[in-house]
C-alpha cells in the first residue's frame, strides 16, 4: 500500500505522517480546532439560545430588553462573514492567545463564528418543546432552572443533537477556511500545500479526509438523535 501511494500519490507520500506539515499533524489540528471551538462556541451558543427562549414574550421569564439584546447579537453575529470576523477580531485573538497564527489562535474566531449560528439552532429546537409540558411543570411549582433542565433540555435533546450535528459539520468547513489563512490543519494542507503548489493529489486527499470527517459526524449524530428520540 505504501509503495502504491509513493508511486501514484507522490505529494501525499512526501508529506509523510509526522512533522509540521505531516498528515497526522494536519488531522490532529483539524480535530483540535473542531472540538475546541465546538466546546467554547457551543456553550456560548447554548446559553444564548436558552436565553432567547426564556426571555421571549411567551417564555418562562419574559424580558423584552434582554430578548432584543440577545436577538440582535445573534443576528449581527450570523451576518458577519467568517473571513471578516477573523480579521476584525484579530486584536482579541492576539490578546487571548498571544498570536494570530496557528490552530490555537483559530479557536477564537471559530468559536465567535459558530456560536450565533448554534444559538439560533438551539432556539428553534427548544421552541419545539411542547408548551403544555412547560405549563405543567410550572403548575407543579418547578423552578426556572428545573424547567430549563428537565423540560427544555431533556425533552428537546433529540433535536438538540440534530442541530449540534449540523453545527459540527459547519465547523469542519470553517476550520478548513481558517486553515487556508494560517490556522493550520487540513485546510492549510489542501490550499497551501496542495493547490498553491500544484500538488493535486495532496489537495484531493485532504478534501476527501475532510469529507470523511463530515460523513462520520453525520453518522454519529444520527445514531445519537435516534437513540434519544425513543427515550
C-alpha atoms as a PDB file:
ATOM      1  CA  UNK A   1       0.000   0.000   0.000  1.00  0.00           C
ATOM      2  CA  UNK A   2       2.843   2.390   0.906  1.00  0.00           C
ATOM      3  CA  UNK A   3       4.594   1.628  -2.373  1.00  0.00           C
ATOM      4  CA  UNK A   4       1.373   2.305  -4.315  1.00  0.00           C
ATOM      5  CA  UNK A   5       0.959   5.686  -2.579  1.00  0.00           C
ATOM      6  CA  UNK A   6       4.593   6.601  -3.244  1.00  0.00           C
ATOM      7  CA  UNK A   7       4.184   5.767  -6.923  1.00  0.00           C
ATOM      8  CA  UNK A   8       0.737   7.186  -7.613  1.00  0.00           C
ATOM      9  CA  UNK A   9       0.443   9.948  -4.985  1.00  0.00           C
ATOM     10  CA  UNK A  10       3.966  11.331  -4.656  1.00  0.00           C
ATOM     11  CA  UNK A  11       2.902  14.573  -2.992  1.00  0.00           C
ATOM     12  CA  UNK A  12       0.870  12.710  -0.391  1.00  0.00           C
ATOM     13  CA  UNK A  13       3.771  10.365   0.306  1.00  0.00           C
ATOM     14  CA  UNK A  14       6.289  13.189   0.526  1.00  0.00           C
ATOM     15  CA  UNK A  15       4.375  14.947   3.305  1.00  0.00           C
ATOM     16  CA  UNK A  16       4.554  11.848   5.496  1.00  0.00           C
ATOM     17  CA  UNK A  17       2.637  11.365   8.728  1.00  0.00           C
ATOM     18  CA  UNK A  18       4.644  13.390  11.243  1.00  0.00           C
ATOM     19  CA  UNK A  19       6.387  16.748  11.140  1.00  0.00           C
ATOM     20  CA  UNK A  20       4.924  20.256  10.986  1.00  0.00           C
ATOM     21  CA  UNK A  21       3.099  19.567   7.707  1.00  0.00           C
ATOM     22  CA  UNK A  22       2.524  15.825   8.046  1.00  0.00           C
ATOM     23  CA  UNK A  23      -0.874  14.237   7.639  1.00  0.00           C
ATOM     24  CA  UNK A  24      -1.088  13.215  11.280  1.00  0.00           C
ATOM     25  CA  UNK A  25      -0.326  16.771  12.363  1.00  0.00           C
ATOM     26  CA  UNK A  26      -2.887  18.254   9.955  1.00  0.00           C
ATOM     27  CA  UNK A  27      -5.611  15.831  11.030  1.00  0.00           C
ATOM     28  CA  UNK A  28      -4.821  16.477  14.704  1.00  0.00           C
ATOM     29  CA  UNK A  29      -5.010  20.237  14.208  1.00  0.00           C
ATOM     30  CA  UNK A  30      -8.348  19.960  12.421  1.00  0.00           C
ATOM     31  CA  UNK A  31      -9.770  17.813  15.220  1.00  0.00           C
ATOM     32  CA  UNK A  32      -8.355  20.215  17.824  1.00  0.00           C
ATOM     33  CA  UNK A  33      -9.924  23.245  16.151  1.00  0.00           C
ATOM     34  CA  UNK A  34     -13.254  21.479  15.591  1.00  0.00           C
ATOM     35  CA  UNK A  35     -13.629  20.088  19.111  1.00  0.00           C
ATOM     36  CA  UNK A  36     -12.193  23.142  20.863  1.00  0.00           C
ATOM     37  CA  UNK A  37     -14.401  25.655  19.082  1.00  0.00           C
ATOM     38  CA  UNK A  38     -17.399  23.314  19.428  1.00  0.00           C
ATOM     39  CA  UNK A  39     -16.949  23.383  23.206  1.00  0.00           C
ATOM     40  CA  UNK A  40     -16.440  27.135  23.601  1.00  0.00           C
ATOM     41  CA  UNK A  41     -18.782  28.243  20.827  1.00  0.00           C
ATOM     42  CA  UNK A  42     -21.294  25.547  21.747  1.00  0.00           C
ATOM     43  CA  UNK A  43     -21.541  26.588  25.391  1.00  0.00           C
ATOM     44  CA  UNK A  44     -21.917  30.240  24.410  1.00  0.00           C
ATOM     45  CA  UNK A  45     -24.483  29.382  21.742  1.00  0.00           C
ATOM     46  CA  UNK A  46     -26.436  27.172  24.146  1.00  0.00           C
ATOM     47  CA  UNK A  47     -26.558  29.960  26.720  1.00  0.00           C
ATOM     48  CA  UNK A  48     -27.757  32.492  24.145  1.00  0.00           C
ATOM     49  CA  UNK A  49     -30.272  30.025  22.685  1.00  0.00           C
ATOM     50  CA  UNK A  50     -31.777  29.266  26.089  1.00  0.00           C
ATOM     51  CA  UNK A  51     -31.807  32.987  26.879  1.00  0.00           C
ATOM     52  CA  UNK A  52     -33.725  33.726  23.689  1.00  0.00           C
ATOM     53  CA  UNK A  53     -36.365  31.137  24.560  1.00  0.00           C
ATOM     54  CA  UNK A  54     -36.938  32.024  28.197  1.00  0.00           C
ATOM     55  CA  UNK A  55     -36.893  35.828  27.716  1.00  0.00           C
ATOM     56  CA  UNK A  56     -39.343  35.751  24.814  1.00  0.00           C
ATOM     57  CA  UNK A  57     -42.833  37.101  25.477  1.00  0.00           C
ATOM     58  CA  UNK A  58     -44.108  33.526  25.734  1.00  0.00           C
ATOM     59  CA  UNK A  59     -41.114  32.309  27.746  1.00  0.00           C
ATOM     60  CA  UNK A  60     -40.862  31.442  31.414  1.00  0.00           C
ATOM     61  CA  UNK A  61     -39.043  34.699  32.211  1.00  0.00           C
ATOM     62  CA  UNK A  62     -40.240  37.347  29.720  1.00  0.00           C
ATOM     63  CA  UNK A  63     -37.889  40.297  29.342  1.00  0.00           C
ATOM     64  CA  UNK A  64     -38.236  42.305  26.166  1.00  0.00           C
ATOM     65  CA  UNK A  65     -34.998  44.267  26.600  1.00  0.00           C
ATOM     66  CA  UNK A  66     -32.905  41.149  27.305  1.00  0.00           C
ATOM     67  CA  UNK A  67     -34.512  39.345  24.388  1.00  0.00           C
ATOM     68  CA  UNK A  68     -33.824  42.216  21.989  1.00  0.00           C
ATOM     69  CA  UNK A  69     -30.175  42.395  23.061  1.00  0.00           C
ATOM     70  CA  UNK A  70     -29.660  38.638  22.673  1.00  0.00           C
ATOM     71  CA  UNK A  71     -31.527  38.568  19.379  1.00  0.00           C
ATOM     72  CA  UNK A  72     -29.534  41.468  17.895  1.00  0.00           C
ATOM     73  CA  UNK A  73     -26.189  39.973  18.974  1.00  0.00           C
ATOM     74  CA  UNK A  74     -27.083  36.651  17.350  1.00  0.00           C
ATOM     75  CA  UNK A  75     -28.416  38.265  14.177  1.00  0.00           C
ATOM     76  CA  UNK A  76     -25.381  40.519  13.744  1.00  0.00           C
ATOM     77  CA  UNK A  77     -23.016  37.655  14.531  1.00  0.00           C
ATOM     78  CA  UNK A  78     -24.605  35.481  11.871  1.00  0.00           C
ATOM     79  CA  UNK A  79     -24.404  38.282   9.316  1.00  0.00           C
ATOM     80  CA  UNK A  80     -20.625  38.762   9.598  1.00  0.00           C
ATOM     81  CA  UNK A  81     -18.714  36.605   7.074  1.00  0.00           C
ATOM     82  CA  UNK A  82     -16.197  34.354   8.794  1.00  0.00           C
ATOM     83  CA  UNK A  83     -13.230  35.675   6.849  1.00  0.00           C
ATOM     84  CA  UNK A  84     -14.040  39.221   8.013  1.00  0.00           C
ATOM     85  CA  UNK A  85     -14.530  38.014  11.586  1.00  0.00           C
ATOM     86  CA  UNK A  86     -11.020  36.541  11.567  1.00  0.00           C
ATOM     87  CA  UNK A  87      -9.568  39.945  10.667  1.00  0.00           C
ATOM     88  CA  UNK A  88     -11.901  42.038  12.810  1.00  0.00           C
ATOM     89  CA  UNK A  89     -11.251  40.040  15.972  1.00  0.00           C
ATOM     90  CA  UNK A  90      -7.520  39.576  15.401  1.00  0.00           C
ATOM     91  CA  UNK A  91      -6.685  42.023  18.261  1.00  0.00           C
ATOM     92  CA  UNK A  92      -8.852  39.927  20.611  1.00  0.00           C
ATOM     93  CA  UNK A  93      -7.207  36.771  19.312  1.00  0.00           C
ATOM     94  CA  UNK A  94      -3.774  38.311  19.918  1.00  0.00           C
ATOM     95  CA  UNK A  95      -4.811  39.329  23.443  1.00  0.00           C
ATOM     96  CA  UNK A  96      -6.142  35.891  24.384  1.00  0.00           C
ATOM     97  CA  UNK A  97      -3.658  33.575  22.682  1.00  0.00           C
ATOM     98  CA  UNK A  98      -0.638  35.814  22.118  1.00  0.00           C
ATOM     99  CA  UNK A  99      -0.685  35.158  18.367  1.00  0.00           C
ATOM    100  CA  UNK A 100      -2.988  35.315  15.345  1.00  0.00           C
ATOM    101  CA  UNK A 101      -1.486  32.317  13.551  1.00  0.00           C
ATOM    102  CA  UNK A 102      -1.988  28.647  14.264  1.00  0.00           C
ATOM    103  CA  UNK A 103      -4.648  26.235  15.472  1.00  0.00           C
ATOM    104  CA  UNK A 104      -4.996  27.718  18.973  1.00  0.00           C
ATOM    105  CA  UNK A 105      -5.384  31.254  17.607  1.00  0.00           C
ATOM    106  CA  UNK A 106      -8.073  29.966  15.224  1.00  0.00           C
ATOM    107  CA  UNK A 107     -10.202  28.857  18.193  1.00  0.00           C
ATOM    108  CA  UNK A 108     -11.200  32.461  18.934  1.00  0.00           C
ATOM    109  CA  UNK A 109     -12.746  33.401  15.555  1.00  0.00           C
ATOM    110  CA  UNK A 110     -14.087  29.864  15.128  1.00  0.00           C
ATOM    111  CA  UNK A 111     -15.907  29.999  18.475  1.00  0.00           C
ATOM    112  CA  UNK A 112     -17.233  33.500  17.780  1.00  0.00           C
ATOM    113  CA  UNK A 113     -18.202  32.485  14.265  1.00  0.00           C
ATOM    114  CA  UNK A 114     -20.158  29.393  15.209  1.00  0.00           C
ATOM    115  CA  UNK A 115     -21.951  30.496  18.369  1.00  0.00           C
ATOM    116  CA  UNK A 116     -24.577  32.772  16.708  1.00  0.00           C
ATOM    117  CA  UNK A 117     -25.474  30.013  14.250  1.00  0.00           C
ATOM    118  CA  UNK A 118     -25.763  27.463  17.038  1.00  0.00           C
ATOM    119  CA  UNK A 119     -27.702  29.853  19.277  1.00  0.00           C
ATOM    120  CA  UNK A 120     -30.380  30.261  16.614  1.00  0.00           C
ATOM    121  CA  UNK A 121     -30.475  26.495  16.066  1.00  0.00           C
ATOM    122  CA  UNK A 122     -30.903  25.912  19.814  1.00  0.00           C
ATOM    123  CA  UNK A 123     -33.675  28.499  19.942  1.00  0.00           C
ATOM    124  CA  UNK A 124     -35.605  26.730  17.188  1.00  0.00           C
ATOM    125  CA  UNK A 125     -35.043  23.316  18.790  1.00  0.00           C
ATOM    126  CA  UNK A 126     -36.267  24.407  22.220  1.00  0.00           C
ATOM    127  CA  UNK A 127     -39.282  26.237  20.826  1.00  0.00           C
ATOM    128  CA  UNK A 128     -40.360  22.850  19.506  1.00  0.00           C
ATOM    129  CA  UNK A 129     -40.794  21.553  23.055  1.00  0.00           C
ATOM    130  CA  UNK A 130     -44.474  21.226  23.949  1.00  0.00           C
ATOM    131  CA  UNK A 131     -45.721  24.323  25.750  1.00  0.00           C
ATOM    132  CA  UNK A 132     -48.114  22.049  27.635  1.00  0.00           C
ATOM    133  CA  UNK A 133     -45.194  20.294  29.339  1.00  0.00           C
ATOM    134  CA  UNK A 134     -43.707  23.642  30.305  1.00  0.00           C
ATOM    135  CA  UNK A 135     -47.004  24.817  31.779  1.00  0.00           C
ATOM    136  CA  UNK A 136     -47.459  21.508  33.621  1.00  0.00           C
ATOM    137  CA  UNK A 137     -44.025  21.887  35.193  1.00  0.00           C
ATOM    138  CA  UNK A 138     -44.849  25.440  36.258  1.00  0.00           C
ATOM    139  CA  UNK A 139     -48.135  24.266  37.728  1.00  0.00           C
ATOM    140  CA  UNK A 140     -46.269  21.741  39.881  1.00  0.00           C
ATOM    141  CA  UNK A 141     -44.051  24.527  41.221  1.00  0.00           C
ATOM    142  CA  UNK A 142     -40.897  23.726  39.272  1.00  0.00           C
ATOM    143  CA  UNK A 143     -38.219  26.399  39.392  1.00  0.00           C
ATOM    144  CA  UNK A 144     -36.970  28.112  36.249  1.00  0.00           C
ATOM    145  CA  UNK A 145     -33.779  26.061  36.350  1.00  0.00           C
ATOM    146  CA  UNK A 146     -35.821  22.849  36.715  1.00  0.00           C
ATOM    147  CA  UNK A 147     -37.902  23.798  33.677  1.00  0.00           C
ATOM    148  CA  UNK A 148     -34.785  24.587  31.641  1.00  0.00           C
ATOM    149  CA  UNK A 149     -33.001  21.377  32.635  1.00  0.00           C
ATOM    150  CA  UNK A 150     -35.839  18.864  32.997  1.00  0.00           C
ATOM    151  CA  UNK A 151     -38.242  20.131  30.348  1.00  0.00           C
ATOM    152  CA  UNK A 152     -36.495  22.172  27.666  1.00  0.00           C
ATOM    153  CA  UNK A 153     -33.153  20.372  27.556  1.00  0.00           C
ATOM    154  CA  UNK A 154     -34.449  16.883  28.338  1.00  0.00           C
ATOM    155  CA  UNK A 155     -37.456  16.977  26.034  1.00  0.00           C
ATOM    156  CA  UNK A 156     -35.553  18.739  23.267  1.00  0.00           C
ATOM    157  CA  UNK A 157     -32.367  16.658  23.450  1.00  0.00           C
ATOM    158  CA  UNK A 158     -33.047  14.687  20.274  1.00  0.00           C
ATOM    159  CA  UNK A 159     -33.473  17.872  18.249  1.00  0.00           C
ATOM    160  CA  UNK A 160     -30.542  19.453  20.071  1.00  0.00           C
ATOM    161  CA  UNK A 161     -28.347  16.582  18.940  1.00  0.00           C
ATOM    162  CA  UNK A 162     -29.502  17.107  15.359  1.00  0.00           C
ATOM    163  CA  UNK A 163     -28.731  20.831  15.365  1.00  0.00           C
ATOM    164  CA  UNK A 164     -25.426  20.154  17.120  1.00  0.00           C
ATOM    165  CA  UNK A 165     -24.556  17.750  14.321  1.00  0.00           C
ATOM    166  CA  UNK A 166     -25.320  20.395  11.708  1.00  0.00           C
ATOM    167  CA  UNK A 167     -23.209  22.894  13.644  1.00  0.00           C
ATOM    168  CA  UNK A 168     -20.265  20.480  13.914  1.00  0.00           C
ATOM    169  CA  UNK A 169     -20.384  19.903  10.165  1.00  0.00           C
ATOM    170  CA  UNK A 170     -20.357  23.663   9.594  1.00  0.00           C
ATOM    171  CA  UNK A 171     -17.384  23.901  11.951  1.00  0.00           C
ATOM    172  CA  UNK A 172     -15.379  21.429   9.913  1.00  0.00           C
ATOM    173  CA  UNK A 173     -15.904  23.696   6.906  1.00  0.00           C
ATOM    174  CA  UNK A 174     -14.862  26.750   8.928  1.00  0.00           C
ATOM    175  CA  UNK A 175     -11.692  25.013  10.140  1.00  0.00           C
ATOM    176  CA  UNK A 176     -10.795  24.380   6.505  1.00  0.00           C
ATOM    177  CA  UNK A 177     -11.283  28.095   5.795  1.00  0.00           C
ATOM    178  CA  UNK A 178      -9.263  29.015   8.890  1.00  0.00           C
ATOM    179  CA  UNK A 179      -6.518  26.685   7.706  1.00  0.00           C
ATOM    180  CA  UNK A 180      -6.377  28.460   4.370  1.00  0.00           C
ATOM    181  CA  UNK A 181      -5.477  31.721   6.152  1.00  0.00           C
ATOM    182  CA  UNK A 182      -2.905  30.353   8.572  1.00  0.00           C
ATOM    183  CA  UNK A 183      -4.880  28.279  11.047  1.00  0.00           C
ATOM    184  CA  UNK A 184      -3.201  25.010  10.150  1.00  0.00           C
ATOM    185  CA  UNK A 185      -4.910  21.656   9.715  1.00  0.00           C
ATOM    186  CA  UNK A 186      -6.280  20.071   6.568  1.00  0.00           C
ATOM    187  CA  UNK A 187      -7.304  23.455   5.164  1.00  0.00           C
ATOM    188  CA  UNK A 188      -3.673  24.542   5.041  1.00  0.00           C
ATOM    189  CA  UNK A 189      -2.700  21.202   3.545  1.00  0.00           C
ATOM    190  CA  UNK A 190      -5.355  21.431   0.822  1.00  0.00           C
ATOM    191  CA  UNK A 191      -4.864  25.085  -0.151  1.00  0.00           C
ATOM    192  CA  UNK A 192      -1.271  25.999   0.660  1.00  0.00           C
ATOM    193  CA  UNK A 193       0.491  22.680   0.133  1.00  0.00           C
ATOM    194  CA  UNK A 194      -1.861  21.251  -2.484  1.00  0.00           C
ATOM    195  CA  UNK A 195      -3.480  23.962  -4.578  1.00  0.00           C
ATOM    196  CA  UNK A 196      -0.841  26.687  -4.445  1.00  0.00           C
ATOM    197  CA  UNK A 197       1.987  24.251  -5.154  1.00  0.00           C
ATOM    198  CA  UNK A 198       0.010  22.463  -7.883  1.00  0.00           C
ATOM    199  CA  UNK A 199       0.024  19.151  -5.999  1.00  0.00           C
ATOM    200  CA  UNK A 200      -3.453  17.957  -6.896  1.00  0.00           C
ATOM    201  CA  UNK A 201      -3.026  14.616  -5.141  1.00  0.00           C
ATOM    202  CA  UNK A 202      -2.444  16.440  -1.837  1.00  0.00           C
ATOM    203  CA  UNK A 203      -5.375  18.791  -2.392  1.00  0.00           C
ATOM    204  CA  UNK A 204      -7.820  15.996  -3.204  1.00  0.00           C
ATOM    205  CA  UNK A 205      -6.590  13.713  -0.422  1.00  0.00           C
ATOM    206  CA  UNK A 206      -7.074  16.488   2.145  1.00  0.00           C
ATOM    207  CA  UNK A 207     -10.522  17.206   0.706  1.00  0.00           C
ATOM    208  CA  UNK A 208     -11.527  13.541   0.917  1.00  0.00           C
ATOM    209  CA  UNK A 209     -10.386  13.340   4.559  1.00  0.00           C
ATOM    210  CA  UNK A 210     -12.482  16.415   5.373  1.00  0.00           C
ATOM    211  CA  UNK A 211     -15.490  14.802   3.673  1.00  0.00           C
ATOM    212  CA  UNK A 212     -14.916  11.622   5.691  1.00  0.00           C
ATOM    213  CA  UNK A 213     -14.968  13.704   8.867  1.00  0.00           C
ATOM    214  CA  UNK A 214     -18.314  15.175   7.827  1.00  0.00           C
ATOM    215  CA  UNK A 215     -19.787  11.756   7.000  1.00  0.00           C
ATOM    216  CA  UNK A 216     -18.612  10.377  10.350  1.00  0.00           C
ATOM    217  CA  UNK A 217     -20.064  13.307  12.299  1.00  0.00           C
ATOM    218  CA  UNK A 218     -23.394  12.955  10.474  1.00  0.00           C
ATOM    219  CA  UNK A 219     -23.478   9.194  11.117  1.00  0.00           C
ATOM    220  CA  UNK A 220     -22.765   9.531  14.839  1.00  0.00           C
ATOM    221  CA  UNK A 221     -25.187  12.441  15.185  1.00  0.00           C
ATOM    222  CA  UNK A 222     -27.999  10.487  13.525  1.00  0.00           C
ATOM    223  CA  UNK A 223     -27.387   7.484  15.802  1.00  0.00           C
ATOM    224  CA  UNK A 224     -27.475   9.586  18.968  1.00  0.00           C
ATOM    225  CA  UNK A 225     -30.534  11.561  17.817  1.00  0.00           C
ATOM    226  CA  UNK A 226     -32.446   8.348  17.063  1.00  0.00           C
ATOM    227  CA  UNK A 227     -31.476   6.970  20.466  1.00  0.00           C
ATOM    228  CA  UNK A 228     -32.863   9.988  22.311  1.00  0.00           C
ATOM    229  CA  UNK A 229     -35.966  10.175  20.134  1.00  0.00           C
ATOM    230  CA  UNK A 230     -37.025   6.791  21.515  1.00  0.00           C
ATOM    231  CA  UNK A 231     -36.449   7.731  25.159  1.00  0.00           C
END
